């Protein structure tokens, strides 16, 4: 952990004492510190109202604060790159499976109890008189030391089925197995179809988070093993090349191509913004047409196609050599323009037309003899 970050946490702890509240660094930060990993994202849990501490960060560090009233949280971004998520210690009650929890102010024990897994239920005090003292109320150190994923109570997956996805993300990320009881309850949750309690959007959100992992292939393989992947898309095809891509858009596009004739169904089922799936549908259009594209394919599309079909000849990716105005200049009118260009696109894709001069000759042949493409 950078000295600068530690100093900031010390100063926040001093401010917490000054305004009469207690604060802890919890969750992933505490876990990662225990296993020797550093992070710039820190969750800070406050026993009491955290607003004064947030205002202190804005005032002292010129930080930007964003409040999420619906969840009672706030994110503070510091210029040094540190990201602090503040939340008041709270207890959660789930009225029904997969419902958003009803929350109420509480203490540290209740707040740690609401966490997803024991490895994420470790807290480090940032108060001046006990800085970085560990609060391990649920054997978190043991779970981290042994390297296993354990839920905190037997109804955890029923309360929030998104924890099924998160369990496998952590398992794949750290190479940790599910604990014996957790695995038993996981399989029961899949068998009883707890995921069906979630909205489609929440399922997709969790799937996207899987794709954002360092090795999405490893994560999907684990999800496939436990039968969780079918809730995203039945019999989803994937392979190790998924790890080559950096952006979610490219990963989704790759998966879209792998689905073959079901690619359109897969991309449409994700209910994602058009800008996120634009690459998917660009590739689907090219694949279905089996003809030269009317405009140049994006660099991303070309990269993915070449990886998908390494032996594909360059001419199959080249945009149409002539435009509508070229057809008009050659005497085509009305619907004959698009018809002639479609024939040209097919011939070009098949390698029969390789340059602009040949394309002009091809259209002239259509004009003169009604050549069929």
Protein backbone atom coordinates (compact mmCIF):
# COMPACT_ATOMS: atom_id res chain seq x y z
CA UNK A 1 0.00 0.00 0.00
CA UNK A 2 1.40 3.38 -0.97
CA UNK A 3 2.47 5.59 1.93
CA UNK A 4 0.30 8.36 0.51
CA UNK A 5 -2.81 6.16 0.71
CA UNK A 6 -2.02 5.08 4.27
CA UNK A 7 -1.58 8.70 5.33
CA UNK A 8 -4.95 9.61 3.83
CA UNK A 9 -6.66 6.78 5.73
CA UNK A 10 -4.94 7.90 8.93
CA UNK A 11 -6.19 11.44 8.41
CA UNK A 12 -9.72 10.23 7.68
CA UNK A 13 -9.60 8.18 10.88
CA UNK A 14 -8.52 11.26 12.84
CA UNK A 15 -11.43 13.21 11.36
CA UNK A 16 -13.81 10.37 12.26
CA UNK A 17 -12.70 10.57 15.89
CA UNK A 18 -13.06 14.36 15.85
CA UNK A 19 -16.69 14.19 14.67
CA UNK A 20 -17.54 11.30 16.98
CA UNK A 21 -17.92 8.31 14.65
CA UNK A 22 -16.01 5.07 14.08
CA UNK A 23 -14.70 3.93 10.70
CA UNK A 24 -13.22 0.76 9.20
CA UNK A 25 -11.75 -0.24 5.84
CA UNK A 26 -13.67 -3.38 4.93
CA UNK A 27 -14.31 -5.98 2.26
CA UNK A 28 -11.96 -6.38 -0.67
CA UNK A 29 -9.35 -3.96 0.66
CA UNK A 30 -8.96 -5.86 3.93
CA UNK A 31 -8.95 -9.20 2.11
CA UNK A 32 -6.39 -8.13 -0.50
CA UNK A 33 -4.10 -6.58 2.10
CA UNK A 34 -4.10 -9.87 3.99
CA UNK A 35 -3.01 -11.80 0.86
CA UNK A 36 -0.46 -9.15 -0.14
CA UNK A 37 -2.32 -7.42 -2.97
CA UNK A 38 -2.71 -3.66 -3.33
CA UNK A 39 -5.82 -1.83 -4.48
CA UNK A 40 -6.92 1.73 -5.08
CA UNK A 41 -10.57 0.94 -4.28
CA UNK A 42 -11.39 1.02 -0.58
CA UNK A 43 -14.77 0.50 1.09
CA UNK A 44 -15.09 2.50 4.29
CA UNK A 45 -17.80 1.48 6.72
CA UNK A 46 -18.85 4.11 9.26
CA UNK A 47 -20.67 3.51 12.53
CA UNK A 48 -22.66 6.73 12.49
CA UNK A 49 -23.37 9.36 9.85
CA UNK A 50 -20.48 9.49 7.31
CA UNK A 51 -21.36 12.86 5.73
CA UNK A 52 -18.86 14.86 7.80
CA UNK A 53 -16.00 12.56 6.76
CA UNK A 54 -17.01 12.79 3.11
CA UNK A 55 -17.08 16.60 3.35
CA UNK A 56 -13.63 16.43 4.91
CA UNK A 57 -12.28 14.49 1.89
CA UNK A 58 -13.79 17.02 -0.51
CA UNK A 59 -12.39 19.93 1.48
CA UNK A 60 -8.93 18.57 2.29
CA UNK A 61 -8.10 16.62 -0.87
CA UNK A 62 -10.15 18.41 -3.51
CA UNK A 63 -12.00 15.13 -4.04
CA UNK A 64 -15.14 14.62 -6.10
CA UNK A 65 -18.06 13.04 -4.26
CA UNK A 66 -21.06 11.29 -5.78
CA UNK A 67 -23.99 10.23 -3.63
CA UNK A 68 -26.26 7.24 -4.22
CA UNK A 69 -29.27 7.98 -2.06
CA UNK A 70 -31.10 4.77 -2.95
CA UNK A 71 -28.27 2.73 -1.38
CA UNK A 72 -27.14 5.23 1.25
CA UNK A 73 -23.62 5.25 -0.15
CA UNK A 74 -21.18 7.74 -1.62
CA UNK A 75 -18.12 7.41 -3.83
CA UNK A 76 -15.21 9.80 -3.36
CA UNK A 77 -12.55 10.03 -6.06
CA UNK A 78 -9.22 11.56 -5.05
CA UNK A 79 -6.71 13.10 -7.45
CA UNK A 80 -4.07 10.54 -6.38
CA UNK A 81 -6.22 7.77 -7.88
CA UNK A 82 -7.70 6.52 -4.63
CA UNK A 83 -11.41 5.64 -4.78
CA UNK A 84 -13.28 5.55 -1.50
CA UNK A 85 -16.78 4.11 -1.13
CA UNK A 86 -18.43 5.28 2.07
CA UNK A 87 -21.38 3.47 3.62
CA UNK A 88 -23.02 3.69 7.00
CA UNK A 89 -22.98 0.44 9.00
CA UNK A 90 -26.33 -1.18 8.39
CA UNK A 91 -28.42 -4.30 8.78
CA UNK A 92 -30.29 -5.80 5.84
CA UNK A 93 -33.54 -7.74 5.66
CA UNK A 94 -34.76 -9.42 2.47
CA UNK A 95 -38.57 -9.42 2.21
CA UNK A 96 -38.41 -12.10 -0.49
CA UNK A 97 -35.75 -13.85 -2.58
CA UNK A 98 -33.75 -11.52 -4.84
CA UNK A 99 -35.57 -8.43 -3.55
CA UNK A 100 -33.51 -5.34 -2.86
CA UNK A 101 -32.86 -5.41 0.88
CA UNK A 102 -34.58 -3.22 3.45
CA UNK A 103 -31.80 -1.45 5.32
CA UNK A 104 -31.52 0.17 8.71
CA UNK A 105 -28.59 1.82 10.55
CA UNK A 106 -26.69 -0.64 12.74
CA UNK A 107 -23.25 -1.60 13.99
CA UNK A 108 -20.14 -3.17 12.48
CA UNK A 109 -21.16 -6.76 13.28
CA UNK A 110 -24.45 -6.45 11.39
CA UNK A 111 -22.70 -4.75 8.50
CA UNK A 112 -20.14 -7.52 8.15
CA UNK A 113 -22.90 -10.11 8.47
CA UNK A 114 -24.60 -8.73 5.34
CA UNK A 115 -21.47 -9.34 3.23
CA UNK A 116 -21.48 -11.99 0.52
CA UNK A 117 -18.60 -14.24 1.67
CA UNK A 118 -16.48 -14.67 4.77
CA UNK A 119 -13.35 -13.64 2.85
CA UNK A 120 -15.01 -10.24 2.35
CA UNK A 121 -16.17 -9.84 5.96
CA UNK A 122 -12.85 -8.71 7.41
CA UNK A 123 -12.56 -5.14 8.76
CA UNK A 124 -9.52 -2.96 9.53
CA UNK A 125 -9.99 -0.04 11.88
CA UNK A 126 -8.69 3.32 10.65
CA UNK A 127 -9.19 5.01 14.03
CA UNK A 128 -6.05 6.69 15.47
CA UNK A 129 -5.77 4.54 18.60
CA UNK A 130 -6.08 1.20 16.73
CA UNK A 131 -5.08 1.90 13.14
CA UNK A 132 -5.36 -1.26 11.01
CA UNK A 133 -6.44 -3.40 13.95
CA UNK A 134 -8.31 -6.40 12.51
CA UNK A 135 -11.93 -7.12 13.33
CA UNK A 136 -12.51 -10.72 12.34
CA UNK A 137 -15.98 -11.68 13.57
CA UNK A 138 -16.70 -14.49 11.09
CA UNK A 139 -13.41 -16.38 10.71
CA UNK A 140 -12.48 -14.40 7.63
CA UNK A 141 -8.74 -14.87 8.14
CA UNK A 142 -9.19 -18.62 8.22
CA UNK A 143 -11.20 -18.61 4.96
CA UNK A 144 -8.56 -16.43 3.28
CA UNK A 145 -5.67 -18.49 4.66
CA UNK A 146 -7.26 -21.75 3.54
CA UNK A 147 -8.25 -20.17 0.22
CA UNK A 148 -11.91 -21.04 -0.04
CA UNK A 149 -15.22 -19.29 -0.77
CA UNK A 150 -17.70 -19.55 2.09
CA UNK A 151 -21.08 -17.83 2.45
CA UNK A 152 -21.93 -16.31 5.81
CA UNK A 153 -25.29 -18.05 6.33
CA UNK A 154 -27.30 -20.80 4.68
CA UNK A 155 -29.90 -18.48 3.09
CA UNK A 156 -27.31 -16.25 1.45
CA UNK A 157 -27.89 -17.50 -2.12
CA UNK A 158 -31.66 -17.37 -1.68
CA UNK A 159 -31.58 -13.81 -0.33
CA UNK A 160 -29.43 -12.65 -3.23
CA UNK A 161 -28.91 -15.07 -6.14
CA UNK A 162 -26.37 -12.69 -7.73
CA UNK A 163 -24.00 -14.13 -5.12
CA UNK A 164 -23.92 -17.30 -7.20
CA UNK A 165 -22.20 -15.36 -9.98
CA UNK A 166 -19.94 -13.49 -7.57
CA UNK A 167 -18.90 -16.73 -5.85
CA UNK A 168 -17.56 -18.10 -9.12
CA UNK A 169 -15.88 -14.80 -10.06
CA UNK A 170 -13.90 -14.89 -6.82
CA UNK A 171 -13.26 -18.63 -7.14
CA UNK A 172 -11.84 -18.18 -10.63
CA UNK A 173 -9.92 -15.01 -9.77
CA UNK A 174 -8.11 -16.45 -6.76
CA UNK A 175 -8.14 -20.12 -7.73
CA UNK A 176 -10.11 -20.91 -4.57
CA UNK A 177 -12.66 -23.73 -4.40
CA UNK A 178 -16.12 -23.36 -2.91
CA UNK A 179 -16.27 -24.55 0.70
CA UNK A 180 -18.00 -27.90 1.26
CA UNK A 181 -21.24 -26.46 2.66
CA UNK A 182 -21.18 -23.52 0.24
CA UNK A 183 -20.81 -25.87 -2.73
CA UNK A 184 -23.72 -27.99 -1.47
CA UNK A 185 -25.94 -24.91 -1.14
CA UNK A 186 -24.70 -23.57 -4.49
CA UNK A 187 -25.76 -26.74 -6.30
CA UNK A 188 -29.10 -26.65 -4.52
CA UNK A 189 -29.61 -23.03 -5.61
CA UNK A 190 -28.92 -23.94 -9.25
CA UNK A 191 -31.17 -26.99 -9.07
CA UNK A 192 -34.00 -24.96 -7.52
CA UNK A 193 -33.40 -22.19 -10.10
CA UNK A 194 -32.89 -19.31 -7.65
CA UNK A 195 -31.51 -17.27 -10.57
CA UNK A 196 -35.04 -17.12 -12.00
CA UNK A 197 -35.90 -14.71 -9.17
CA UNK A 198 -33.55 -12.16 -10.75
CA UNK A 199 -34.54 -9.77 -13.53
CA UNK A 200 -32.91 -10.36 -16.89
CA UNK A 201 -30.98 -7.12 -16.49
CA UNK A 202 -29.43 -8.22 -13.20
CA UNK A 203 -28.38 -11.54 -14.74
CA UNK A 204 -26.78 -9.72 -17.67
CA UNK A 205 -25.01 -7.32 -15.30
CA UNK A 206 -23.43 -10.26 -13.49
CA UNK A 207 -22.47 -11.88 -16.79
CA UNK A 208 -20.74 -8.67 -17.92
CA UNK A 209 -18.81 -8.61 -14.64
CA UNK A 210 -17.63 -12.13 -15.42
CA UNK A 211 -16.35 -10.90 -18.77
CA UNK A 212 -14.46 -8.10 -17.00
CA UNK A 213 -12.38 -10.59 -15.01
CA UNK A 214 -8.72 -11.05 -15.94
CA UNK A 215 -9.55 -14.50 -17.32
CA UNK A 216 -13.19 -14.55 -18.41
CA UNK A 217 -12.61 -17.94 -20.02
CA UNK A 218 -11.68 -19.46 -16.67
CA UNK A 219 -14.69 -17.80 -15.06
CA UNK A 220 -17.15 -18.98 -17.71
CA UNK A 221 -15.68 -22.48 -17.60
CA UNK A 222 -16.37 -22.62 -13.88
CA UNK A 223 -19.88 -21.22 -14.37
CA UNK A 224 -20.45 -23.88 -17.03
CA UNK A 225 -19.26 -26.61 -14.68
CA UNK A 226 -21.83 -25.61 -12.07
CA UNK A 227 -24.68 -25.13 -14.56
CA UNK A 228 -24.89 -21.39 -13.97
CA UNK A 229 -24.04 -20.37 -17.51
CA UNK A 230 -27.30 -21.71 -18.92
CA UNK A 231 -29.17 -18.95 -17.06
CA UNK A 232 -27.31 -16.46 -19.26
CA UNK A 233 -27.73 -18.32 -22.56
CA UNK A 234 -28.51 -22.01 -23.04
CA UNK A 235 -25.50 -24.02 -24.25
CA UNK A 236 -23.34 -20.91 -24.62
CA UNK A 237 -20.25 -21.60 -26.71
CA UNK A 238 -16.95 -20.03 -25.59
CA UNK A 239 -13.24 -20.76 -25.81
CA UNK A 240 -9.88 -19.67 -24.42
CA UNK A 241 -9.43 -16.98 -27.09
CA UNK A 242 -11.93 -14.94 -25.09
CA UNK A 243 -9.03 -13.88 -22.84
CA UNK A 244 -7.29 -12.17 -25.78
CA UNK A 245 -9.77 -9.31 -25.92
CA UNK A 246 -9.62 -6.25 -23.69
CA UNK A 247 -13.03 -4.60 -23.97
CA UNK A 248 -16.38 -6.08 -23.02
CA UNK A 249 -17.67 -5.13 -26.49
CA UNK A 250 -15.02 -7.27 -28.18
CA UNK A 251 -15.63 -10.18 -25.84
CA UNK A 252 -19.37 -10.05 -26.51
CA UNK A 253 -18.71 -9.84 -30.25
CA UNK A 254 -16.44 -12.88 -30.08
CA UNK A 255 -19.07 -14.85 -28.19
CA UNK A 256 -21.69 -13.73 -30.72
CA UNK A 257 -19.67 -15.18 -33.59
CA UNK A 258 -19.08 -18.43 -31.71
CA UNK A 259 -22.84 -19.01 -31.39
CA UNK A 260 -23.15 -19.43 -35.15
CA UNK A 261 -26.77 -19.21 -36.30
CA UNK A 262 -27.83 -18.39 -32.73
CA UNK A 263 -25.58 -15.33 -32.58
CA UNK A 264 -28.43 -12.88 -33.14
CA UNK A 265 -30.50 -14.49 -30.38
CA UNK A 266 -27.55 -14.27 -28.00
CA UNK A 267 -26.78 -10.60 -28.70
CA UNK A 268 -30.45 -9.59 -28.53
CA UNK A 269 -31.00 -11.47 -25.26
CA UNK A 270 -28.44 -9.31 -23.45
CA UNK A 271 -30.69 -6.22 -23.54
CA UNK A 272 -27.58 -4.03 -23.57
CA UNK A 273 -27.29 -0.49 -25.01
CA UNK A 274 -26.87 -0.31 -28.77
CA UNK A 275 -23.38 1.17 -28.47
CA UNK A 276 -22.31 -1.88 -26.44
CA UNK A 277 -23.66 -4.42 -28.93
CA UNK A 278 -22.98 -2.45 -32.14
CA UNK A 279 -19.89 -4.55 -32.86
CA UNK A 280 -21.90 -7.76 -32.35
CA UNK A 281 -24.45 -6.77 -34.95
CA UNK A 282 -21.80 -5.47 -37.35
CA UNK A 283 -20.28 -8.95 -37.36
CA UNK A 284 -23.66 -10.66 -37.64
CA UNK A 285 -24.56 -8.54 -40.64
CA UNK A 286 -21.27 -9.38 -42.35
CA UNK A 287 -21.59 -13.10 -41.57
CA UNK A 288 -25.17 -13.36 -42.80
CA UNK A 289 -24.65 -11.34 -45.99
CA UNK A 290 -21.75 -13.42 -47.36
CA UNK A 291 -21.01 -10.46 -49.59
CA UNK A 292 -18.74 -7.42 -49.58
CA UNK A 293 -19.82 -4.88 -46.94
CA UNK A 294 -21.26 -1.63 -48.23
CA UNK A 295 -18.85 0.32 -46.02
CA UNK A 296 -15.51 -0.48 -44.42
CA UNK A 297 -15.67 -2.80 -41.44
CA UNK A 298 -14.38 -1.38 -38.16
CA UNK A 299 -10.84 -2.26 -37.12
CA UNK A 300 -12.31 -4.23 -34.20
CA UNK A 301 -14.52 -6.27 -36.53
CA UNK A 302 -11.63 -7.06 -38.86
CA UNK A 303 -9.45 -8.16 -35.92
CA UNK A 304 -12.15 -10.48 -34.59
CA UNK A 305 -12.98 -11.97 -38.00
CA UNK A 306 -9.31 -12.72 -38.69
CA UNK A 307 -9.04 -14.46 -35.32
CA UNK A 308 -12.26 -16.35 -36.00
CA UNK A 309 -11.18 -17.33 -39.53
CA UNK A 310 -7.37 -17.02 -39.73
CA UNK A 311 -7.24 -18.19 -43.35
CA UNK A 312 -9.85 -15.76 -44.64
CA UNK A 313 -8.61 -13.98 -47.80
CA UNK A 314 -8.37 -10.17 -47.53
CA UNK A 315 -10.80 -9.57 -50.38
CA UNK A 316 -13.66 -10.97 -48.29
CA UNK A 317 -13.23 -8.10 -45.86
CA UNK A 318 -12.82 -5.33 -48.45
CA UNK A 319 -15.71 -2.81 -48.69
CA UNK A 320 -17.73 -2.61 -51.89
CA UNK A 321 -15.59 -1.17 -54.66
CA UNK A 322 -18.36 1.01 -56.14
CA UNK A 323 -21.06 3.23 -54.67
CA UNK A 324 -24.58 4.10 -55.73
CA UNK A 325 -23.39 7.18 -57.63
CA UNK A 326 -21.09 4.97 -59.69
CA UNK A 327 -24.04 2.83 -60.69
CA UNK A 328 -26.03 5.96 -61.57
CA UNK A 329 -23.17 7.20 -63.75
CA UNK A 330 -23.27 3.88 -65.57
CA UNK A 331 -26.94 4.37 -66.37
CA UNK A 332 -28.71 2.43 -63.62
CA UNK A 333 -31.94 3.90 -62.26
CA UNK A 334 -34.33 3.29 -59.35
CA UNK A 335 -34.39 -0.22 -57.91
CA UNK A 336 -31.90 -1.41 -60.51
CA UNK A 337 -29.18 0.46 -58.63
CA UNK A 338 -29.42 -1.60 -55.44
CA UNK A 339 -29.92 -4.80 -57.43
CA UNK A 340 -26.74 -4.23 -59.43
CA UNK A 341 -24.72 -3.38 -56.33
CA UNK A 342 -25.92 -6.51 -54.52
CA UNK A 343 -24.71 -8.64 -57.43
CA UNK A 344 -21.41 -6.81 -57.39
CA UNK A 345 -21.05 -7.31 -53.63
CA UNK A 346 -21.59 -11.04 -53.99
CA UNK A 347 -19.17 -11.34 -56.90
CA UNK A 348 -16.54 -9.30 -55.04
CA UNK A 349 -16.90 -11.48 -51.93
CA UNK A 350 -16.43 -14.57 -54.08
CA UNK A 351 -13.21 -13.14 -55.51
CA UNK A 352 -14.58 -12.74 -59.02
CA UNK A 353 -14.11 -8.94 -58.96
CA UNK A 354 -10.81 -7.76 -57.49
CA UNK A 355 -10.44 -4.06 -58.34
CA UNK A 356 -12.45 -0.99 -59.27
CA UNK A 357 -11.82 -1.38 -63.01
CA UNK A 358 -13.15 -4.93 -62.88
CA UNK A 359 -16.13 -3.73 -60.84
CA UNK A 360 -17.03 -1.16 -63.49
CA UNK A 361 -16.78 -3.82 -66.19
CA UNK A 362 -19.00 -6.11 -64.09
CA UNK A 363 -21.74 -3.47 -63.81
CA UNK A 364 -21.49 -2.71 -67.51
CA UNK A 365 -22.01 -6.40 -68.22
CA UNK A 366 -25.13 -6.39 -66.04
CA UNK A 367 -26.36 -3.27 -67.82
CA UNK A 368 -25.75 -4.71 -71.26
CA UNK A 369 -26.52 -8.40 -70.85
CA UNK A 370 -28.45 -8.63 -67.56
CA UNK A 371 -25.69 -10.79 -66.07
CA UNK A 372 -26.90 -12.80 -63.10
CA UNK A 373 -24.82 -12.73 -59.94
